[in-house]
Amino acid sequence: MVSPYLWLGMAILLGVAGQLVLKAGAETSGEGLAQFLSPWTIAGFGIYFLSALTYIVAIKKIPVSLAYPSVSISYGLLAVLAHFLWREPLTWQHWAGIALISSGIFVMFRA
C-alpha cells in the first residue's frame, strides 16, 4: 500500500508541473481562444486533473487541515523553478516567504 503522504507529495509535484506547463503554453501560444486551445494549455489542465486525483487519494487518510496547507510548499518550489526556467525574479523577499511557508509546514507536521 502506498503511503498517503507519497500521494500528497505526488499531488504537489503534479500541481507544480501543471503550473509550469501552463506557463509554457502562455508564453508560446497566441491570444484569446488560441491560448486555451494550445496543446500546452490542454496538457497543463490534464496534469492539474491528475494532481487533483492524487490529492483525493491522499486526503482519504490525511486530515485536510494538514494536507491542504502542505500544498503551499508548491509556491516556493515553483518560484525557484520559474527563476531557473524563465529568469523570473527571486529576491530575498521571495526567499523569506519561502522560509516562512516551509517553517509553517514544519511546525504543522510536528504538532
N, C-alpha and C. Protein backbone atom coordinates (compact mmCIF):
# COMPACT_ATOMS: atom_id res chain seq x y z
N MET A 1 0.84 -1.18 0.00
CA MET A 1 0.00 0.00 0.00
C MET A 1 0.89 1.25 0.00
N VAL A 2 0.55 2.19 -0.84
CA VAL A 2 1.32 3.43 -0.96
C VAL A 2 0.93 4.38 0.16
N SER A 3 1.90 5.00 0.78
CA SER A 3 1.67 5.94 1.87
C SER A 3 0.82 7.12 1.37
N PRO A 4 -0.13 7.58 2.18
CA PRO A 4 -0.91 8.75 1.77
C PRO A 4 -0.03 9.99 1.62
N TYR A 5 1.09 10.03 2.34
CA TYR A 5 2.00 11.17 2.22
C TYR A 5 2.74 11.15 0.88
N LEU A 6 2.94 9.96 0.34
CA LEU A 6 3.51 9.86 -1.01
C LEU A 6 2.50 10.38 -2.03
N TRP A 7 1.23 10.04 -1.84
CA TRP A 7 0.17 10.57 -2.72
C TRP A 7 0.11 12.09 -2.64
N LEU A 8 0.24 12.62 -1.41
CA LEU A 8 0.23 14.07 -1.23
C LEU A 8 1.42 14.70 -1.94
N GLY A 9 2.59 14.09 -1.79
CA GLY A 9 3.78 14.60 -2.48
C GLY A 9 3.62 14.58 -3.99
N MET A 10 3.02 13.51 -4.50
CA MET A 10 2.78 13.44 -5.95
C MET A 10 1.79 14.51 -6.38
N ALA A 11 0.77 14.76 -5.57
CA ALA A 11 -0.21 15.81 -5.90
C ALA A 11 0.46 17.17 -5.97
N ILE A 12 1.35 17.43 -5.03
CA ILE A 12 2.06 18.70 -5.01
C ILE A 12 2.97 18.83 -6.23
N LEU A 13 3.73 17.80 -6.52
CA LEU A 13 4.63 17.85 -7.68
C LEU A 13 3.88 17.95 -8.99
N LEU A 14 2.77 17.24 -9.10
CA LEU A 14 1.95 17.34 -10.32
C LEU A 14 1.35 18.73 -10.45
N GLY A 15 0.96 19.33 -9.33
CA GLY A 15 0.44 20.70 -9.37
C GLY A 15 1.49 21.68 -9.88
N VAL A 16 2.73 21.50 -9.42
CA VAL A 16 3.83 22.35 -9.89
C VAL A 16 4.07 22.11 -11.38
N ALA A 17 4.09 20.85 -11.78
CA ALA A 17 4.29 20.53 -13.20
C ALA A 17 3.18 21.14 -14.05
N GLY A 18 1.95 21.06 -13.58
CA GLY A 18 0.83 21.64 -14.32
C GLY A 18 1.00 23.14 -14.49
N GLN A 19 1.45 23.81 -13.44
CA GLN A 19 1.66 25.25 -13.49
C GLN A 19 2.78 25.61 -14.48
N LEU A 20 3.85 24.82 -14.48
CA LEU A 20 4.95 25.06 -15.41
C LEU A 20 4.51 24.86 -16.86
N VAL A 21 3.71 23.84 -17.10
CA VAL A 21 3.23 23.57 -18.46
C VAL A 21 2.27 24.67 -18.90
N LEU A 22 1.41 25.14 -17.98
CA LEU A 22 0.52 26.26 -18.33
C LEU A 22 1.32 27.52 -18.66
N LYS A 23 2.39 27.78 -17.91
CA LYS A 23 3.24 28.94 -18.20
C LYS A 23 3.88 28.80 -19.57
N ALA A 24 4.37 27.60 -19.88
CA ALA A 24 4.97 27.37 -21.20
C ALA A 24 3.93 27.61 -22.29
N GLY A 25 2.70 27.18 -22.06
CA GLY A 25 1.64 27.41 -23.02
C GLY A 25 1.32 28.89 -23.18
N ALA A 26 1.33 29.61 -22.07
CA ALA A 26 1.04 31.04 -22.13
C ALA A 26 2.12 31.78 -22.91
N GLU A 27 3.34 31.32 -22.81
CA GLU A 27 4.44 32.00 -23.49
C GLU A 27 4.55 31.64 -24.97
N THR A 28 4.02 30.49 -25.36
CA THR A 28 4.21 30.03 -26.74
C THR A 28 2.95 30.13 -27.60
N SER A 29 1.81 30.39 -26.98
CA SER A 29 0.57 30.40 -27.75
C SER A 29 0.16 31.82 -28.10
N GLY A 30 -0.89 31.92 -28.89
CA GLY A 30 -1.42 33.21 -29.29
C GLY A 30 -2.27 33.82 -28.18
N GLU A 31 -3.17 34.69 -28.59
CA GLU A 31 -4.05 35.38 -27.65
C GLU A 31 -5.45 34.77 -27.70
N GLY A 32 -6.22 35.06 -26.68
CA GLY A 32 -7.62 34.67 -26.64
C GLY A 32 -7.84 33.17 -26.69
N LEU A 33 -8.74 32.75 -27.56
CA LEU A 33 -9.13 31.35 -27.66
C LEU A 33 -7.95 30.46 -28.03
N ALA A 34 -7.03 30.97 -28.84
CA ALA A 34 -5.86 30.18 -29.25
C ALA A 34 -5.04 29.74 -28.04
N GLN A 35 -4.97 30.59 -27.04
CA GLN A 35 -4.20 30.23 -25.84
C GLN A 35 -4.84 29.06 -25.11
N PHE A 36 -6.17 29.02 -25.08
CA PHE A 36 -6.86 27.94 -24.38
C PHE A 36 -6.88 26.64 -25.17
N LEU A 37 -6.70 26.73 -26.48
CA LEU A 37 -6.67 25.54 -27.32
C LEU A 37 -5.26 25.04 -27.58
N SER A 38 -4.28 25.71 -27.02
CA SER A 38 -2.88 25.30 -27.17
C SER A 38 -2.68 23.92 -26.55
N PRO A 39 -1.90 23.06 -27.20
CA PRO A 39 -1.60 21.75 -26.60
C PRO A 39 -0.96 21.87 -25.23
N TRP A 40 -0.14 22.90 -25.03
CA TRP A 40 0.49 23.11 -23.72
C TRP A 40 -0.57 23.40 -22.66
N THR A 41 -1.52 24.24 -22.98
CA THR A 41 -2.57 24.59 -22.02
C THR A 41 -3.42 23.37 -21.70
N ILE A 42 -3.80 22.63 -22.71
CA ILE A 42 -4.60 21.43 -22.50
C ILE A 42 -3.83 20.42 -21.66
N ALA A 43 -2.54 20.26 -21.96
CA ALA A 43 -1.71 19.35 -21.16
C ALA A 43 -1.61 19.83 -19.71
N GLY A 44 -1.47 21.14 -19.52
CA GLY A 44 -1.41 21.69 -18.17
C GLY A 44 -2.66 21.38 -17.37
N PHE A 45 -3.83 21.55 -18.02
CA PHE A 45 -5.08 21.21 -17.35
C PHE A 45 -5.16 19.71 -17.03
N GLY A 46 -4.66 18.88 -17.95
CA GLY A 46 -4.64 17.44 -17.72
C GLY A 46 -3.77 17.07 -16.52
N ILE A 47 -2.63 17.72 -16.42
CA ILE A 47 -1.74 17.45 -15.29
C ILE A 47 -2.39 17.90 -13.99
N TYR A 48 -3.07 19.06 -14.02
CA TYR A 48 -3.81 19.51 -12.83
C TYR A 48 -4.88 18.49 -12.44
N PHE A 49 -5.53 17.91 -13.42
CA PHE A 49 -6.55 16.89 -13.13
C PHE A 49 -5.91 15.70 -12.42
N LEU A 50 -4.75 15.25 -12.91
CA LEU A 50 -4.05 14.15 -12.24
C LEU A 50 -3.64 14.55 -10.82
N SER A 51 -3.25 15.80 -10.66
CA SER A 51 -2.90 16.30 -9.33
C SER A 51 -4.10 16.21 -8.40
N ALA A 52 -5.26 16.60 -8.89
CA ALA A 52 -6.48 16.53 -8.08
C ALA A 52 -6.81 15.09 -7.70
N LEU A 53 -6.64 14.17 -8.63
CA LEU A 53 -6.91 12.76 -8.33
C LEU A 53 -5.99 12.23 -7.23
N THR A 54 -4.71 12.54 -7.33
CA THR A 54 -3.77 12.05 -6.31
C THR A 54 -4.04 12.74 -4.97
N TYR A 55 -4.47 13.99 -5.00
CA TYR A 55 -4.80 14.70 -3.77
C TYR A 55 -6.01 14.05 -3.09
N ILE A 56 -6.99 13.65 -3.88
CA ILE A 56 -8.17 12.99 -3.32
C ILE A 56 -7.77 11.70 -2.61
N VAL A 57 -6.87 10.93 -3.22
CA VAL A 57 -6.39 9.70 -2.58
C VAL A 57 -5.69 10.03 -1.27
N ALA A 58 -4.90 11.10 -1.25
CA ALA A 58 -4.16 11.48 -0.04
C ALA A 58 -5.10 11.89 1.09
N ILE A 59 -6.12 12.70 0.78
CA ILE A 59 -6.97 13.20 1.86
C ILE A 59 -7.96 12.16 2.39
N LYS A 60 -7.96 11.00 1.75
CA LYS A 60 -8.75 9.92 2.31
C LYS A 60 -8.17 9.49 3.66
N LYS A 61 -6.85 9.63 3.81
CA LYS A 61 -6.16 9.20 5.04
C LYS A 61 -5.53 10.35 5.83
N ILE A 62 -5.25 11.47 5.18
CA ILE A 62 -4.61 12.61 5.84
C ILE A 62 -5.67 13.67 6.10
N PRO A 63 -5.72 14.23 7.32
CA PRO A 63 -6.70 15.29 7.56
C PRO A 63 -6.49 16.45 6.58
N VAL A 64 -7.57 16.96 6.02
CA VAL A 64 -7.47 18.05 5.06
C VAL A 64 -6.87 19.29 5.71
N SER A 65 -7.03 19.42 7.03
CA SER A 65 -6.45 20.56 7.74
C SER A 65 -4.93 20.50 7.75
N LEU A 66 -4.35 19.36 7.45
CA LEU A 66 -2.90 19.22 7.32
C LEU A 66 -2.50 19.14 5.85
N ALA A 67 -3.29 18.43 5.06
CA ALA A 67 -2.93 18.22 3.66
C ALA A 67 -3.00 19.51 2.84
N TYR A 68 -4.08 20.27 2.99
CA TYR A 68 -4.24 21.45 2.15
C TYR A 68 -3.16 22.50 2.39
N PRO A 69 -2.85 22.85 3.64
CA PRO A 69 -1.75 23.80 3.83
C PRO A 69 -0.41 23.29 3.31
N SER A 70 -0.24 21.98 3.27
CA SER A 70 1.00 21.40 2.76
C SER A 70 1.20 21.71 1.29
N VAL A 71 0.12 21.92 0.57
CA VAL A 71 0.20 22.24 -0.85
C VAL A 71 0.94 23.57 -1.06
N SER A 72 0.99 24.42 -0.03
CA SER A 72 1.68 25.70 -0.17
C SER A 72 3.19 25.53 -0.40
N ILE A 73 3.71 24.35 -0.15
CA ILE A 73 5.11 24.07 -0.47
C ILE A 73 5.35 24.30 -1.96
N SER A 74 4.31 24.08 -2.75
CA SER A 74 4.44 24.26 -4.20
C SER A 74 4.78 25.70 -4.57
N TYR A 75 4.37 26.68 -3.75
CA TYR A 75 4.66 28.08 -4.07
C TYR A 75 6.17 28.32 -4.14
N GLY A 76 6.87 27.84 -3.13
CA GLY A 76 8.32 28.02 -3.11
C GLY A 76 9.01 27.25 -4.21
N LEU A 77 8.59 26.01 -4.39
CA LEU A 77 9.19 25.18 -5.43
C LEU A 77 8.99 25.80 -6.80
N LEU A 78 7.80 26.29 -7.04
CA LEU A 78 7.50 26.92 -8.33
C LEU A 78 8.30 28.20 -8.53
N ALA A 79 8.47 28.99 -7.48
CA ALA A 79 9.25 30.23 -7.59
C ALA A 79 10.70 29.94 -7.98
N VAL A 80 11.28 28.92 -7.37
CA VAL A 80 12.66 28.55 -7.67
C VAL A 80 12.77 28.03 -9.11
N LEU A 81 11.86 27.16 -9.51
CA LEU A 81 11.90 26.62 -10.87
C LEU A 81 11.67 27.70 -11.91
N ALA A 82 10.74 28.62 -11.66
CA ALA A 82 10.48 29.71 -12.60
C ALA A 82 11.69 30.62 -12.73
N HIS A 83 12.44 30.76 -11.65
CA HIS A 83 13.66 31.58 -11.71
C HIS A 83 14.66 30.95 -12.68
N PHE A 84 14.82 29.65 -12.59
CA PHE A 84 15.80 28.99 -13.46
C PHE A 84 15.30 28.81 -14.89
N LEU A 85 14.01 28.58 -15.06
CA LEU A 85 13.47 28.33 -16.39
C LEU A 85 13.22 29.61 -17.19
N TRP A 86 12.71 30.66 -16.51
CA TRP A 86 12.32 31.87 -17.23
C TRP A 86 12.99 33.13 -16.68
N ARG A 87 13.96 32.95 -15.83
CA ARG A 87 14.69 34.09 -15.25
C ARG A 87 13.76 35.04 -14.49
N GLU A 88 12.70 34.48 -13.89
CA GLU A 88 11.82 35.32 -13.08
C GLU A 88 12.57 35.72 -11.81
N PRO A 89 12.26 36.89 -11.25
CA PRO A 89 13.00 37.37 -10.08
C PRO A 89 12.85 36.44 -8.88
N LEU A 90 13.92 36.33 -8.12
CA LEU A 90 13.91 35.56 -6.88
C LEU A 90 14.73 36.37 -5.88
N THR A 91 14.06 37.29 -5.23
CA THR A 91 14.72 38.24 -4.33
C THR A 91 14.79 37.68 -2.92
N TRP A 92 15.42 38.44 -2.04
CA TRP A 92 15.50 37.99 -0.66
C TRP A 92 14.10 37.92 -0.04
N GLN A 93 13.17 38.77 -0.51
CA GLN A 93 11.80 38.71 0.00
C GLN A 93 11.12 37.39 -0.40
N HIS A 94 11.41 36.95 -1.62
CA HIS A 94 10.88 35.64 -2.04
C HIS A 94 11.44 34.54 -1.14
N TRP A 95 12.74 34.58 -0.92
CA TRP A 95 13.37 33.57 -0.07
C TRP A 95 12.81 33.62 1.35
N ALA A 96 12.56 34.82 1.87
CA ALA A 96 11.98 34.95 3.21
C ALA A 96 10.59 34.33 3.24
N GLY A 97 9.79 34.59 2.21
CA GLY A 97 8.46 33.99 2.13
C GLY A 97 8.52 32.47 2.05
N ILE A 98 9.45 31.97 1.25
CA ILE A 98 9.62 30.52 1.13
C ILE A 98 10.02 29.93 2.48
N ALA A 99 10.89 30.62 3.19
CA ALA A 99 11.32 30.14 4.51
C ALA A 99 10.15 30.14 5.50
N LEU A 100 9.32 31.18 5.46
CA LEU A 100 8.17 31.23 6.36
C LEU A 100 7.18 30.11 6.05
N ILE A 101 6.90 29.90 4.78
CA ILE A 101 5.99 28.82 4.39
C ILE A 101 6.55 27.47 4.84
N SER A 102 7.84 27.25 4.57
CA SER A 102 8.47 25.97 4.93
C SER A 102 8.46 25.75 6.44
N SER A 103 8.75 26.80 7.19
CA SER A 103 8.77 26.64 8.64
C SER A 103 7.34 26.40 9.17
N GLY A 104 6.35 27.04 8.55
CA GLY A 104 4.97 26.79 8.96
C GLY A 104 4.55 25.35 8.72
N ILE A 105 4.92 24.82 7.60
CA ILE A 105 4.61 23.41 7.30
C ILE A 105 5.34 22.49 8.27
N PHE A 106 6.60 22.80 8.56
CA PHE A 106 7.38 22.01 9.52
C PHE A 106 6.69 21.99 10.89
N VAL A 107 6.25 23.16 11.35
CA VAL A 107 5.57 23.25 12.65
C VAL A 107 4.27 22.44 12.63
N MET A 108 3.53 22.52 11.54
CA MET A 108 2.27 21.78 11.46
C MET A 108 2.51 20.27 11.56
N PHE A 109 3.54 19.79 10.92
CA PHE A 109 3.80 18.35 10.94
C PHE A 109 4.39 17.89 12.26
N ARG A 110 4.94 18.80 13.03
CA ARG A 110 5.50 18.45 14.34
C ARG A 110 4.43 18.41 15.42
N ALA A 111 3.29 19.04 15.17
CA ALA A 111 2.24 19.13 16.20
C ALA A 111 1.55 17.81 16.42
